[in-house]
Amino acid sequence: MELRRGKAISNAEELEFAIFCIENIAARLGIDAEIVYRNLTEKSDILEQYIISEYEVLHTQSKEYIISDIIDVMREEGVNV
């Protein structure tokens, strides 16, 4: 999967979705949410390039699909999960 050029969080809905993703990825992996945030922002650009850029599509999916999909993207991008 090729990541698109990212965009910054522009509204409360996108912010809430980003937090939802970070917290649920952390819960699924059994790690601290701060580690997930760093992995999505400092060790990659997945937060902006995928989660926020694809917000319109992603937020319509099930929680399980969203979390599994983002973890797959993290693995594809070489982010330790």
N, C-alpha and C. Protein backbone atom coordinates (compact mmCIF):
# COMPACT_ATOMS: atom_id res chain seq x y z
N MET A 1 0.85 -1.17 0.00
CA MET A 1 0.00 0.00 0.00
C MET A 1 0.89 1.23 0.00
N GLU A 2 0.63 2.14 -0.88
CA GLU A 2 1.41 3.38 -0.93
C GLU A 2 0.68 4.45 -0.13
N LEU A 3 1.42 5.09 0.77
CA LEU A 3 0.82 6.15 1.58
C LEU A 3 0.76 7.44 0.78
N ARG A 4 -0.35 8.14 0.92
CA ARG A 4 -0.52 9.42 0.26
C ARG A 4 0.10 10.52 1.09
N ARG A 5 0.31 11.65 0.47
CA ARG A 5 0.82 12.80 1.21
C ARG A 5 -0.19 13.16 2.28
N GLY A 6 0.28 13.34 3.50
CA GLY A 6 -0.60 13.54 4.63
C GLY A 6 -1.20 14.93 4.71
N LYS A 7 -2.17 15.06 5.61
CA LYS A 7 -2.77 16.34 5.89
C LYS A 7 -2.92 16.45 7.40
N ALA A 8 -2.88 17.65 7.88
CA ALA A 8 -2.98 17.88 9.31
C ALA A 8 -4.43 17.68 9.76
N ILE A 9 -4.57 17.40 11.04
CA ILE A 9 -5.90 17.29 11.63
C ILE A 9 -6.57 18.65 11.52
N SER A 10 -7.78 18.67 10.96
CA SER A 10 -8.40 19.96 10.68
C SER A 10 -9.70 20.21 11.43
N ASN A 11 -10.20 19.20 12.18
CA ASN A 11 -11.44 19.42 12.92
C ASN A 11 -11.54 18.44 14.09
N ALA A 12 -12.51 18.66 14.94
CA ALA A 12 -12.67 17.85 16.15
C ALA A 12 -12.95 16.39 15.83
N GLU A 13 -13.67 16.12 14.76
CA GLU A 13 -13.99 14.74 14.40
C GLU A 13 -12.73 13.97 14.05
N GLU A 14 -11.83 14.58 13.29
CA GLU A 14 -10.58 13.92 12.95
C GLU A 14 -9.71 13.71 14.19
N LEU A 15 -9.69 14.69 15.07
CA LEU A 15 -8.94 14.55 16.32
C LEU A 15 -9.48 13.41 17.16
N GLU A 16 -10.79 13.35 17.32
CA GLU A 16 -11.41 12.27 18.08
C GLU A 16 -11.11 10.91 17.45
N PHE A 17 -11.13 10.85 16.12
CA PHE A 17 -10.84 9.60 15.43
C PHE A 17 -9.39 9.19 15.64
N ALA A 18 -8.47 10.14 15.57
CA ALA A 18 -7.05 9.84 15.80
C ALA A 18 -6.85 9.28 17.20
N ILE A 19 -7.47 9.90 18.19
CA ILE A 19 -7.37 9.43 19.58
C ILE A 19 -7.98 8.04 19.71
N PHE A 20 -9.13 7.83 19.11
CA PHE A 20 -9.78 6.52 19.10
C PHE A 20 -8.83 5.46 18.54
N CYS A 21 -8.19 5.76 17.42
CA CYS A 21 -7.28 4.80 16.80
C CYS A 21 -6.09 4.51 17.70
N ILE A 22 -5.47 5.55 18.22
CA ILE A 22 -4.29 5.38 19.07
C ILE A 22 -4.63 4.55 20.31
N GLU A 23 -5.71 4.90 20.98
CA GLU A 23 -6.09 4.17 22.20
C GLU A 23 -6.43 2.71 21.92
N ASN A 24 -7.12 2.45 20.83
CA ASN A 24 -7.52 1.08 20.53
C ASN A 24 -6.37 0.24 19.99
N ILE A 25 -5.45 0.84 19.27
CA ILE A 25 -4.25 0.11 18.85
C ILE A 25 -3.44 -0.26 20.09
N ALA A 26 -3.29 0.69 21.01
CA ALA A 26 -2.56 0.43 22.25
C ALA A 26 -3.20 -0.71 23.03
N ALA A 27 -4.51 -0.69 23.13
CA ALA A 27 -5.22 -1.75 23.86
C ALA A 27 -5.02 -3.10 23.16
N ARG A 28 -5.12 -3.13 21.84
CA ARG A 28 -4.96 -4.38 21.09
C ARG A 28 -3.55 -4.95 21.26
N LEU A 29 -2.54 -4.05 21.26
CA LEU A 29 -1.16 -4.50 21.35
C LEU A 29 -0.67 -4.64 22.78
N GLY A 30 -1.45 -4.14 23.73
CA GLY A 30 -1.05 -4.22 25.13
C GLY A 30 0.12 -3.32 25.47
N ILE A 31 0.17 -2.15 24.82
CA ILE A 31 1.25 -1.20 25.09
C ILE A 31 0.65 0.17 25.40
N ASP A 32 1.48 1.07 25.88
CA ASP A 32 1.04 2.41 26.24
C ASP A 32 0.67 3.21 24.99
N ALA A 33 -0.38 4.02 25.10
CA ALA A 33 -0.83 4.83 23.97
C ALA A 33 0.24 5.81 23.50
N GLU A 34 1.09 6.26 24.41
CA GLU A 34 2.17 7.19 24.03
C GLU A 34 3.14 6.53 23.05
N ILE A 35 3.41 5.24 23.26
CA ILE A 35 4.28 4.50 22.34
C ILE A 35 3.63 4.41 20.96
N VAL A 36 2.35 4.13 20.93
CA VAL A 36 1.63 4.07 19.66
C VAL A 36 1.68 5.42 18.96
N TYR A 37 1.44 6.48 19.71
CA TYR A 37 1.48 7.83 19.12
C TYR A 37 2.84 8.11 18.51
N ARG A 38 3.91 7.80 19.23
CA ARG A 38 5.26 8.03 18.70
C ARG A 38 5.50 7.19 17.44
N ASN A 39 5.01 5.94 17.46
CA ASN A 39 5.18 5.09 16.28
C ASN A 39 4.44 5.65 15.06
N LEU A 40 3.31 6.29 15.30
CA LEU A 40 2.51 6.83 14.20
C LEU A 40 2.95 8.22 13.75
N THR A 41 3.78 8.88 14.55
CA THR A 41 4.17 10.26 14.21
C THR A 41 5.68 10.45 14.08
N GLU A 42 6.45 9.92 15.00
CA GLU A 42 7.90 10.13 14.98
C GLU A 42 8.63 9.07 14.17
N LYS A 43 8.17 7.84 14.27
CA LYS A 43 8.83 6.74 13.56
C LYS A 43 8.23 6.50 12.18
N SER A 44 7.13 7.18 11.90
CA SER A 44 6.47 7.10 10.60
C SER A 44 5.57 8.32 10.47
N ASP A 45 4.93 8.47 9.34
CA ASP A 45 3.95 9.53 9.13
C ASP A 45 2.55 8.95 8.96
N ILE A 46 2.32 7.78 9.54
CA ILE A 46 1.06 7.07 9.34
C ILE A 46 -0.13 7.87 9.86
N LEU A 47 0.04 8.60 10.95
CA LEU A 47 -1.09 9.36 11.48
C LEU A 47 -1.62 10.34 10.44
N GLU A 48 -0.72 11.13 9.85
CA GLU A 48 -1.16 12.11 8.85
C GLU A 48 -1.38 11.47 7.49
N GLN A 49 -0.45 10.62 7.06
CA GLN A 49 -0.50 10.09 5.70
C GLN A 49 -1.58 9.04 5.48
N TYR A 50 -2.01 8.39 6.55
CA TYR A 50 -3.02 7.35 6.36
C TYR A 50 -4.27 7.59 7.20
N ILE A 51 -4.11 7.70 8.50
CA ILE A 51 -5.28 7.79 9.37
C ILE A 51 -6.10 9.04 9.08
N ILE A 52 -5.45 10.20 9.03
CA ILE A 52 -6.17 11.45 8.78
C ILE A 52 -6.52 11.59 7.30
N SER A 53 -5.58 11.27 6.43
CA SER A 53 -5.86 11.39 4.98
C SER A 53 -7.00 10.49 4.53
N GLU A 54 -7.13 9.34 5.17
CA GLU A 54 -8.18 8.38 4.79
C GLU A 54 -9.36 8.40 5.77
N TYR A 55 -9.46 9.44 6.57
CA TYR A 55 -10.51 9.54 7.59
C TYR A 55 -11.90 9.29 7.01
N GLU A 56 -12.22 9.89 5.90
CA GLU A 56 -13.57 9.79 5.33
C GLU A 56 -13.97 8.34 5.06
N VAL A 57 -13.03 7.51 4.66
CA VAL A 57 -13.32 6.10 4.40
C VAL A 57 -13.20 5.29 5.69
N LEU A 58 -12.09 5.49 6.40
CA LEU A 58 -11.82 4.67 7.58
C LEU A 58 -12.90 4.77 8.65
N HIS A 59 -13.38 5.98 8.91
CA HIS A 59 -14.30 6.13 10.05
C HIS A 59 -15.66 5.45 9.83
N THR A 60 -15.90 5.00 8.61
CA THR A 60 -17.16 4.31 8.33
C THR A 60 -17.05 2.81 8.56
N GLN A 61 -15.85 2.33 8.85
CA GLN A 61 -15.61 0.90 9.03
C GLN A 61 -15.79 0.49 10.49
N SER A 62 -15.79 -0.79 10.74
CA SER A 62 -15.91 -1.31 12.11
C SER A 62 -14.61 -1.06 12.88
N LYS A 63 -14.73 -1.02 14.18
CA LYS A 63 -13.57 -0.82 15.04
C LYS A 63 -12.51 -1.89 14.75
N GLU A 64 -12.93 -3.14 14.67
CA GLU A 64 -11.98 -4.23 14.43
C GLU A 64 -11.25 -4.05 13.09
N TYR A 65 -12.00 -3.67 12.07
CA TYR A 65 -11.37 -3.47 10.76
C TYR A 65 -10.36 -2.33 10.82
N ILE A 66 -10.75 -1.21 11.41
CA ILE A 66 -9.87 -0.03 11.48
C ILE A 66 -8.57 -0.38 12.17
N ILE A 67 -8.66 -0.98 13.35
CA ILE A 67 -7.46 -1.27 14.13
C ILE A 67 -6.58 -2.29 13.41
N SER A 68 -7.17 -3.34 12.88
CA SER A 68 -6.38 -4.34 12.14
C SER A 68 -5.71 -3.73 10.92
N ASP A 69 -6.43 -2.88 10.21
CA ASP A 69 -5.91 -2.24 9.01
C ASP A 69 -4.72 -1.34 9.34
N ILE A 70 -4.84 -0.55 10.38
CA ILE A 70 -3.75 0.36 10.75
C ILE A 70 -2.54 -0.43 11.22
N ILE A 71 -2.75 -1.49 11.98
CA ILE A 71 -1.63 -2.33 12.41
C ILE A 71 -0.94 -2.95 11.19
N ASP A 72 -1.71 -3.37 10.19
CA ASP A 72 -1.13 -3.89 8.94
C ASP A 72 -0.29 -2.83 8.25
N VAL A 73 -0.78 -1.60 8.19
CA VAL A 73 -0.03 -0.50 7.58
C VAL A 73 1.27 -0.26 8.36
N MET A 74 1.18 -0.29 9.68
CA MET A 74 2.38 -0.10 10.49
C MET A 74 3.42 -1.18 10.16
N ARG A 75 2.99 -2.41 10.05
CA ARG A 75 3.92 -3.50 9.71
C ARG A 75 4.52 -3.30 8.32
N GLU A 76 3.68 -2.93 7.36
CA GLU A 76 4.16 -2.69 6.00
C GLU A 76 5.19 -1.57 5.94
N GLU A 77 5.02 -0.58 6.81
CA GLU A 77 5.95 0.56 6.85
C GLU A 77 7.16 0.30 7.74
N GLY A 78 7.25 -0.90 8.31
CA GLY A 78 8.41 -1.27 9.12
C GLY A 78 8.38 -0.70 10.54
N VAL A 79 7.19 -0.33 11.01
CA VAL A 79 7.06 0.19 12.37
C VAL A 79 6.89 -1.00 13.30
N ASN A 80 7.70 -1.06 14.34
CA ASN A 80 7.61 -2.15 15.31
C ASN A 80 6.26 -2.16 16.00
N VAL A 81 5.55 -3.28 15.91
CA VAL A 81 4.27 -3.42 16.61
C VAL A 81 4.25 -4.66 17.47
